[in-house]
N, C-alpha and C. Protein backbone atom coordinates (compact mmCIF):
# COMPACT_ATOMS: atom_id res chain seq x y z
N MET A 1 12.36 -37.39 15.17
CA MET A 1 13.33 -36.81 16.35
C MET A 1 12.13 -36.07 17.26
N GLY A 2 12.53 -36.21 18.58
CA GLY A 2 11.93 -36.28 19.21
C GLY A 2 12.06 -34.32 19.49
N GLU A 3 11.15 -33.72 20.52
CA GLU A 3 11.24 -31.84 20.85
C GLU A 3 12.69 -31.81 21.13
N MET A 4 13.05 -32.16 22.27
CA MET A 4 14.41 -31.57 22.93
C MET A 4 15.60 -31.53 21.75
N GLU A 5 15.31 -32.79 21.12
CA GLU A 5 16.30 -33.02 19.61
C GLU A 5 15.77 -32.09 18.70
N MET A 6 15.95 -31.77 18.37
CA MET A 6 14.68 -30.72 17.25
C MET A 6 15.28 -30.12 17.86
N ARG A 7 15.23 -29.19 18.91
CA ARG A 7 15.12 -27.97 19.62
C ARG A 7 17.04 -27.94 19.62
N ALA A 8 17.51 -28.60 20.17
CA ALA A 8 19.31 -28.69 20.06
C ALA A 8 20.10 -28.54 18.49
N ARG A 9 19.57 -28.98 17.53
CA ARG A 9 19.17 -28.56 16.22
C ARG A 9 19.39 -27.44 16.16
N LEU A 10 17.89 -26.79 16.47
CA LEU A 10 17.87 -26.00 15.68
C LEU A 10 19.04 -24.89 16.15
N ILE A 11 18.91 -25.09 17.17
CA ILE A 11 19.89 -24.27 17.85
C ILE A 11 21.30 -25.08 17.52
N ALA A 12 21.65 -25.33 17.09
CA ALA A 12 23.30 -25.73 16.84
C ALA A 12 23.45 -25.34 15.32
N GLU A 13 22.37 -25.27 14.67
CA GLU A 13 22.35 -24.95 12.95
C GLU A 13 21.85 -23.10 12.99
N ALA A 14 21.15 -22.49 14.10
CA ALA A 14 21.63 -20.94 14.23
C ALA A 14 22.80 -20.50 14.48
N ARG A 15 23.88 -21.29 15.28
CA ARG A 15 24.97 -20.69 15.46
C ARG A 15 25.71 -20.94 14.34
N ASP A 16 25.35 -21.83 14.09
CA ASP A 16 26.73 -22.25 13.10
C ASP A 16 26.14 -21.15 11.72
N TRP A 17 25.63 -20.54 11.18
CA TRP A 17 25.26 -18.78 10.73
C TRP A 17 26.09 -18.08 11.07
N ILE A 18 26.47 -18.48 12.38
CA ILE A 18 27.40 -17.24 13.69
C ILE A 18 28.69 -16.33 12.11
N GLY A 19 28.30 -15.25 11.64
CA GLY A 19 29.85 -14.73 10.73
C GLY A 19 29.39 -14.82 9.74
N THR A 20 27.87 -15.16 9.20
CA THR A 20 27.65 -14.83 8.04
C THR A 20 26.82 -13.67 7.62
N PRO A 21 27.50 -12.99 6.70
CA PRO A 21 27.70 -11.17 6.08
C PRO A 21 26.04 -10.86 6.11
N TYR A 22 25.71 -9.71 6.78
CA TYR A 22 24.12 -9.44 6.42
C TYR A 22 24.32 -9.06 4.70
N LEU A 23 22.91 -10.26 4.28
CA LEU A 23 23.04 -9.45 2.87
C LEU A 23 21.22 -9.86 3.05
N HIS A 24 20.29 -8.24 2.59
CA HIS A 24 18.90 -8.32 2.30
C HIS A 24 18.82 -9.46 0.80
N ARG A 25 17.31 -10.05 1.61
CA ARG A 25 17.02 -11.18 0.21
C ARG A 25 17.68 -12.40 0.60
N ALA A 26 18.80 -12.74 0.68
CA ALA A 26 19.65 -13.85 1.27
C ALA A 26 20.08 -14.57 1.91
N SER A 27 20.14 -16.06 1.94
CA SER A 27 20.29 -16.97 2.67
C SER A 27 20.56 -18.70 2.54
N LEU A 28 22.32 -17.76 2.87
CA LEU A 28 23.49 -19.19 2.43
C LEU A 28 24.68 -18.80 3.21
N LYS A 29 24.49 -20.04 3.79
CA LYS A 29 25.50 -19.69 5.66
C LYS A 29 26.84 -19.50 4.66
N GLY A 30 27.56 -18.36 5.28
CA GLY A 30 28.69 -18.29 5.45
C GLY A 30 29.24 -17.33 4.26
N GLN A 31 28.18 -17.35 3.42
CA GLN A 31 27.84 -16.10 2.38
C GLN A 31 26.99 -15.06 2.13
N GLY A 32 25.42 -15.25 2.98
CA GLY A 32 25.30 -13.75 2.88
C GLY A 32 23.41 -14.32 3.80
N ALA A 33 23.30 -13.38 4.78
CA ALA A 33 22.12 -13.58 5.39
C ALA A 33 20.88 -12.28 5.76
N ASP A 34 19.98 -12.17 5.00
CA ASP A 34 19.02 -11.41 6.42
C ASP A 34 18.62 -12.34 7.09
N CYS A 35 17.65 -11.31 8.33
CA CYS A 35 17.27 -12.28 9.43
C CYS A 35 16.74 -13.25 9.55
N LEU A 36 15.34 -12.97 8.07
CA LEU A 36 14.78 -13.74 7.25
C LEU A 36 15.48 -15.13 6.63
N GLY A 37 16.35 -14.44 6.09
CA GLY A 37 17.12 -15.90 5.45
C GLY A 37 17.40 -16.87 6.47
N LEU A 38 18.00 -15.87 8.00
CA LEU A 38 18.54 -16.75 8.63
C LEU A 38 17.78 -17.57 9.55
N ILE A 39 16.65 -17.65 9.30
CA ILE A 39 15.33 -18.11 9.30
C ILE A 39 14.91 -19.30 8.30
N ARG A 40 15.13 -18.72 7.22
CA ARG A 40 14.76 -20.44 6.53
C ARG A 40 15.84 -21.05 6.85
N GLY A 41 17.41 -20.23 6.40
CA GLY A 41 18.47 -21.64 6.01
C GLY A 41 17.98 -22.61 7.51
N VAL A 42 17.98 -22.06 8.49
CA VAL A 42 17.42 -23.15 9.75
C VAL A 42 16.48 -24.26 9.33
N TRP A 43 15.59 -23.67 8.83
CA TRP A 43 14.60 -24.61 8.21
C TRP A 43 14.62 -25.97 7.75
N ARG A 44 15.82 -24.97 6.08
CA ARG A 44 15.73 -26.36 5.58
C ARG A 44 16.99 -27.25 6.14
N ALA A 45 17.91 -26.28 7.25
CA ALA A 45 19.09 -27.25 7.25
C ALA A 45 18.44 -29.08 8.45
N VAL A 46 17.12 -27.98 8.96
CA VAL A 46 16.44 -29.08 10.30
C VAL A 46 15.14 -29.92 9.95
N VAL A 47 14.23 -28.76 9.37
CA VAL A 47 13.01 -29.33 8.55
C VAL A 47 12.89 -29.67 7.75
N GLY A 48 12.95 -29.44 6.19
CA GLY A 48 13.03 -29.56 5.08
C GLY A 48 13.39 -28.43 4.16
N PRO A 49 12.49 -28.55 3.49
CA PRO A 49 12.41 -27.82 1.77
C PRO A 49 11.33 -26.45 2.68
N GLU A 50 11.80 -25.07 2.07
CA GLU A 50 10.89 -24.03 2.82
C GLU A 50 9.57 -24.16 2.23
N PRO A 51 8.38 -24.00 2.98
CA PRO A 51 7.25 -24.48 2.85
C PRO A 51 6.57 -23.17 2.06
N GLN A 52 6.65 -22.04 1.61
CA GLN A 52 6.26 -21.20 0.31
C GLN A 52 7.45 -20.31 -0.11
N GLY A 53 7.66 -19.69 -1.05
CA GLY A 53 8.31 -19.07 -2.28
C GLY A 53 8.65 -17.90 -0.89
N LEU A 54 9.85 -17.51 -1.02
CA LEU A 54 9.97 -16.12 -0.92
C LEU A 54 9.43 -14.89 -1.57
N PRO A 55 8.72 -14.19 -1.10
CA PRO A 55 7.67 -12.34 -1.89
C PRO A 55 8.86 -11.91 -1.45
N ALA A 56 8.86 -11.06 -2.78
CA ALA A 56 10.12 -10.12 -3.01
C ALA A 56 9.51 -8.51 -1.73
N TYR A 57 10.18 -8.50 -1.55
CA TYR A 57 10.38 -7.37 -0.05
C TYR A 57 11.65 -5.95 -0.07
N ALA A 58 11.25 -5.01 -0.01
CA ALA A 58 12.32 -3.79 0.32
C ALA A 58 12.79 -3.81 1.52
N PRO A 59 13.87 -3.27 2.17
CA PRO A 59 14.15 -3.21 3.26
C PRO A 59 12.97 -2.17 4.08
N ASP A 60 12.14 -1.31 3.39
CA ASP A 60 10.95 -0.61 4.36
C ASP A 60 9.50 -1.40 4.35
N TRP A 61 9.53 -2.54 3.67
CA TRP A 61 8.75 -3.34 3.57
C TRP A 61 7.21 -3.16 4.55
N ALA A 62 7.65 -3.06 5.43
CA ALA A 62 6.53 -3.34 7.10
C ALA A 62 6.09 -1.54 6.85
N GLU A 63 7.04 -0.36 6.67
CA GLU A 63 6.75 0.83 6.67
C GLU A 63 5.96 0.60 5.71
N ALA A 64 5.86 0.21 4.93
CA ALA A 64 4.94 0.63 3.40
C ALA A 64 4.34 -0.26 3.67
N THR A 65 3.50 -0.93 4.12
CA THR A 65 2.46 -2.21 3.95
C THR A 65 1.60 -1.52 4.88
N ARG A 66 2.06 -1.54 6.30
CA ARG A 66 1.62 -1.77 8.03
C ARG A 66 1.16 -2.97 8.25
N ALA A 67 1.23 -3.93 7.30
CA ALA A 67 0.66 -5.67 7.53
C ALA A 67 1.05 -5.68 8.83
N GLU A 68 1.21 -7.45 8.73
CA GLU A 68 1.78 -8.04 9.92
C GLU A 68 1.93 -9.76 8.99
N GLN A 69 2.84 -9.65 8.09
CA GLN A 69 3.31 -9.94 6.38
C GLN A 69 4.06 -11.15 7.97
N MET A 70 5.11 -10.58 8.10
CA MET A 70 6.23 -11.66 8.25
C MET A 70 5.42 -12.62 9.56
N ALA A 71 4.69 -11.77 10.31
CA ALA A 71 4.20 -12.73 11.59
C ALA A 71 2.67 -13.75 10.92
N ASP A 72 2.31 -13.18 10.00
CA ASP A 72 1.04 -14.38 9.38
C ASP A 72 1.53 -15.41 8.27
N ALA A 73 2.83 -15.49 8.12
CA ALA A 73 3.67 -16.25 7.19
C ALA A 73 3.66 -17.50 8.18
N ALA A 74 4.51 -16.81 9.38
CA ALA A 74 5.24 -17.59 10.56
C ALA A 74 4.39 -17.86 11.05
N GLY A 75 2.70 -17.48 11.08
CA GLY A 75 1.56 -18.71 11.96
C GLY A 75 0.87 -19.63 11.17
N ARG A 76 1.52 -19.41 9.71
CA ARG A 76 1.03 -20.45 8.64
C ARG A 76 1.35 -21.89 8.85
N HIS A 77 3.26 -21.55 9.04
CA HIS A 77 3.58 -23.11 9.16
C HIS A 77 4.09 -22.65 10.32
N MET A 78 4.29 -22.58 11.16
CA MET A 78 4.72 -22.38 13.14
C MET A 78 3.44 -22.57 13.28
N ARG A 79 3.78 -23.10 15.07
CA ARG A 79 2.83 -23.18 16.06
C ARG A 79 2.79 -21.58 16.77
N ALA A 80 2.64 -20.86 16.83
CA ALA A 80 2.30 -19.75 17.71
C ALA A 80 2.36 -20.13 19.48
N VAL A 81 3.61 -19.05 19.55
CA VAL A 81 4.13 -19.48 21.51
C VAL A 81 3.64 -18.23 21.91
N ALA A 82 2.76 -18.57 22.97
CA ALA A 82 2.52 -17.03 24.12
C ALA A 82 4.44 -16.50 24.07
N LEU A 83 3.98 -14.54 24.52
CA LEU A 83 5.44 -14.66 24.85
C LEU A 83 6.61 -14.99 26.09
N GLU A 84 5.24 -15.53 27.49
CA GLU A 84 5.34 -15.80 28.33
C GLU A 84 6.42 -16.56 28.24
N ALA A 85 6.28 -17.64 27.34
CA ALA A 85 6.43 -19.27 27.72
C ALA A 85 7.29 -19.57 26.42
N ILE A 86 8.38 -18.85 25.93
CA ILE A 86 9.80 -18.61 25.04
C ILE A 86 10.81 -19.58 25.09
N ALA A 87 10.69 -20.13 24.35
CA ALA A 87 12.11 -21.73 25.04
C ALA A 87 12.93 -21.36 24.15
N PRO A 88 14.33 -22.12 24.17
CA PRO A 88 15.49 -21.84 23.55
C PRO A 88 14.54 -22.77 21.89
N GLY A 89 15.04 -22.68 21.13
CA GLY A 89 14.49 -22.74 19.88
C GLY A 89 13.38 -22.64 18.67
N ASP A 90 13.12 -21.49 19.39
CA ASP A 90 11.81 -20.55 18.92
C ASP A 90 12.09 -19.62 18.36
N VAL A 91 11.49 -19.13 17.47
CA VAL A 91 11.61 -17.91 16.65
C VAL A 91 10.95 -16.75 17.27
N LEU A 92 11.71 -15.96 17.36
CA LEU A 92 10.88 -14.01 17.95
C LEU A 92 10.88 -13.29 16.23
N LEU A 93 9.61 -12.70 16.97
CA LEU A 93 9.56 -11.60 16.37
C LEU A 93 9.21 -10.28 17.03
N PHE A 94 10.20 -9.28 15.87
CA PHE A 94 10.18 -7.76 16.96
C PHE A 94 9.30 -6.76 15.87
N ARG A 95 9.35 -6.13 16.49
CA ARG A 95 8.62 -4.57 16.14
C ARG A 95 10.17 -3.53 16.61
N TRP A 96 10.52 -2.90 15.62
CA TRP A 96 11.58 -1.64 16.02
C TRP A 96 10.70 -0.45 16.16
N ARG A 97 9.54 0.15 15.89
CA ARG A 97 8.84 0.94 16.44
C ARG A 97 7.38 0.50 16.83
N ALA A 98 6.81 0.95 18.22
CA ALA A 98 5.15 0.60 18.23
C ALA A 98 4.47 1.14 17.50
N GLY A 99 3.47 0.54 17.07
CA GLY A 99 2.73 1.20 15.45
C GLY A 99 2.75 0.43 14.19
N PHE A 100 3.98 0.22 14.51
CA PHE A 100 4.70 -0.88 13.05
C PHE A 100 4.27 -1.67 12.93
N PRO A 101 4.60 -3.13 12.05
CA PRO A 101 4.49 -4.95 12.31
C PRO A 101 5.53 -5.14 12.44
N ALA A 102 5.98 -6.20 12.57
CA ALA A 102 6.98 -6.36 13.50
C ALA A 102 7.46 -7.06 12.10
N LYS A 103 9.35 -6.60 11.86
CA LYS A 103 9.58 -6.61 11.22
C LYS A 103 11.18 -8.15 11.03
N HIS A 104 11.28 -8.04 12.13
CA HIS A 104 12.80 -8.28 12.76
C HIS A 104 13.15 -9.51 13.03
N ALA A 105 13.44 -10.65 12.33
CA ALA A 105 13.32 -12.33 12.99
C ALA A 105 14.81 -12.68 13.95
N ALA A 106 14.68 -13.81 14.89
CA ALA A 106 15.16 -14.23 15.97
C ALA A 106 15.34 -15.49 15.53
N LEU A 107 16.39 -16.72 16.70
CA LEU A 107 16.02 -17.07 17.63
C LEU A 107 16.88 -17.46 17.98
N LEU A 108 15.94 -17.90 19.30
CA LEU A 108 16.42 -17.49 20.18
C LEU A 108 17.08 -19.40 20.85
N VAL A 109 18.02 -19.17 21.48
CA VAL A 109 19.38 -20.12 21.88
C VAL A 109 19.53 -20.52 23.36
N SER A 110 19.17 -19.53 24.36
CA SER A 110 19.80 -19.82 25.54
C SER A 110 18.19 -19.07 26.22
N GLY A 111 18.09 -19.52 27.44
CA GLY A 111 17.35 -17.74 28.21
C GLY A 111 17.42 -16.78 27.68
N GLU A 112 18.42 -15.73 27.98
CA GLU A 112 18.91 -15.12 27.46
C GLU A 112 19.91 -14.16 26.35
N ARG A 113 20.04 -15.65 25.46
CA ARG A 113 20.61 -15.80 24.29
C ARG A 113 19.54 -15.23 22.50
N MET A 114 20.28 -14.95 22.02
CA MET A 114 19.61 -15.37 20.24
C MET A 114 20.21 -14.98 19.85
N VAL A 115 20.31 -15.76 18.30
CA VAL A 115 20.52 -15.08 17.10
C VAL A 115 20.47 -14.34 15.95
N HIS A 116 21.01 -13.62 15.04
CA HIS A 116 20.43 -12.66 14.58
C HIS A 116 21.31 -12.33 13.39
N ALA A 117 20.58 -11.56 12.20
CA ALA A 117 21.30 -11.23 11.61
C ALA A 117 21.29 -9.79 11.24
N HIS A 118 21.39 -8.90 11.31
CA HIS A 118 21.59 -7.28 11.99
C HIS A 118 21.89 -6.33 10.63
N ASP A 119 21.22 -5.10 9.90
CA ASP A 119 21.70 -4.60 9.24
C ASP A 119 22.87 -4.20 9.72
N GLY A 120 24.21 -4.08 8.61
CA GLY A 120 25.43 -3.65 9.05
C GLY A 120 26.39 -4.39 9.35
N ALA A 121 26.08 -6.02 9.76
CA ALA A 121 26.46 -6.61 10.86
C ALA A 121 26.07 -7.98 10.21
N ALA A 122 27.70 -8.95 10.96
CA ALA A 122 27.36 -10.15 10.61
C ALA A 122 26.24 -10.73 12.05
N VAL A 123 25.61 -12.20 11.37
CA VAL A 123 25.10 -12.86 12.02
C VAL A 123 25.58 -13.46 13.28
N ALA A 124 25.34 -13.58 14.25
CA ALA A 124 25.82 -13.53 16.04
C ALA A 124 25.23 -13.13 16.35
N GLU A 125 25.36 -14.41 17.52
CA GLU A 125 25.16 -14.58 18.66
C GLU A 125 25.03 -13.24 19.98
N VAL A 126 24.04 -12.50 20.21
CA VAL A 126 23.67 -11.38 21.25
C VAL A 126 23.34 -11.67 22.18
N PHE A 127 22.97 -10.89 23.28
CA PHE A 127 22.03 -11.02 24.73
C PHE A 127 20.68 -10.72 24.61
N LEU A 128 19.61 -10.99 24.58
CA LEU A 128 18.34 -10.87 24.83
C LEU A 128 17.69 -10.08 25.64
N ALA A 129 18.19 -8.61 25.53
CA ALA A 129 18.63 -7.39 26.50
C ALA A 129 17.04 -6.57 26.13
N PRO A 130 17.09 -5.62 27.13
CA PRO A 130 15.76 -5.33 27.97
C PRO A 130 14.83 -4.87 26.92
N TRP A 131 16.16 -4.41 25.63
CA TRP A 131 15.39 -3.34 24.68
C TRP A 131 14.66 -4.07 23.82
N TRP A 132 15.44 -5.75 23.50
CA TRP A 132 14.67 -6.37 22.38
C TRP A 132 13.74 -6.87 23.44
N ARG A 133 13.74 -7.05 24.41
CA ARG A 133 12.35 -7.59 25.50
C ARG A 133 11.32 -6.50 25.22
N ARG A 134 11.71 -5.33 24.66
CA ARG A 134 10.55 -4.80 24.62
C ARG A 134 9.96 -4.52 23.18
N ARG A 135 10.55 -5.15 22.48
CA ARG A 135 9.97 -5.01 20.94
C ARG A 135 9.49 -6.12 21.02
N LEU A 136 9.68 -7.45 21.46
CA LEU A 136 9.10 -8.38 21.11
C LEU A 136 7.88 -8.43 20.98
N ALA A 137 7.15 -8.96 19.58
CA ALA A 137 5.90 -8.84 19.50
C ALA A 137 5.59 -10.24 19.00
N PHE A 138 5.66 -11.22 18.62
CA PHE A 138 5.45 -12.72 18.58
C PHE A 138 6.79 -13.30 18.73
N ALA A 139 6.31 -14.89 19.09
CA ALA A 139 6.87 -16.38 18.77
C ALA A 139 6.48 -16.60 17.74
N PHE A 140 7.71 -18.55 17.92
CA PHE A 140 6.46 -19.13 17.45
C PHE A 140 7.83 -20.28 17.32
N ALA A 141 7.57 -21.58 17.41
CA ALA A 141 7.90 -23.29 17.11
C ALA A 141 7.43 -23.42 15.93
N PHE A 142 8.89 -24.62 15.25
CA PHE A 142 9.23 -25.05 14.09
C PHE A 142 8.13 -26.16 13.82
N PRO A 143 7.71 -26.81 13.26
CA PRO A 143 7.11 -27.94 13.54
C PRO A 143 7.86 -29.17 13.90
N GLY A 144 7.04 -29.36 14.92
CA GLY A 144 7.81 -30.77 16.03
C GLY A 144 9.06 -30.32 16.86
N ALA A 145 8.97 -29.01 17.26
CA ALA A 145 9.30 -28.12 18.35
C ALA A 145 8.71 -27.83 19.58
C-alpha cells in the first residue's frame, strides 16, 4: 500500500472510533479507549499486531516519572516528524503542562482537526486549536506513512 492510501486508512480508522467511551488503559473500538488505546487500535487495524506489550500505567504516570516514556516508545516504532511538517495521519503527542512529559496522544485527520480520547468524554474529532498547538511536543508517522 502506498503512503497516501495508508494515511487515508489511518484517518478513516481513527474516525471509526468516534463515540467510543473513554476508559483508562482500554483499546476496544465501541467499548472503551484512552488516548493511547485509540492509537494502539488504529495500529492494529492498519499496520498489524502491536509492536510491544502495554506497560502498566496509572493516570498520573507522567507526573510521577517525569520521563518521556510515551515519546520514547513511539520513537522505537514510528518515524519522528518535525512539528512544522505534520500531516494528516500522523500521531501527535501533547504536554498538559510545561516541564512535564508528553502524555496525551491524538491522530491528525486534516490540517486543522484531530481525533483523540479524553478523560471524561468519548473519542471525538476536534479542532487542533491554539490551546492544543501550544502543547504539541512530538509528532510521529506510522510505518509506511
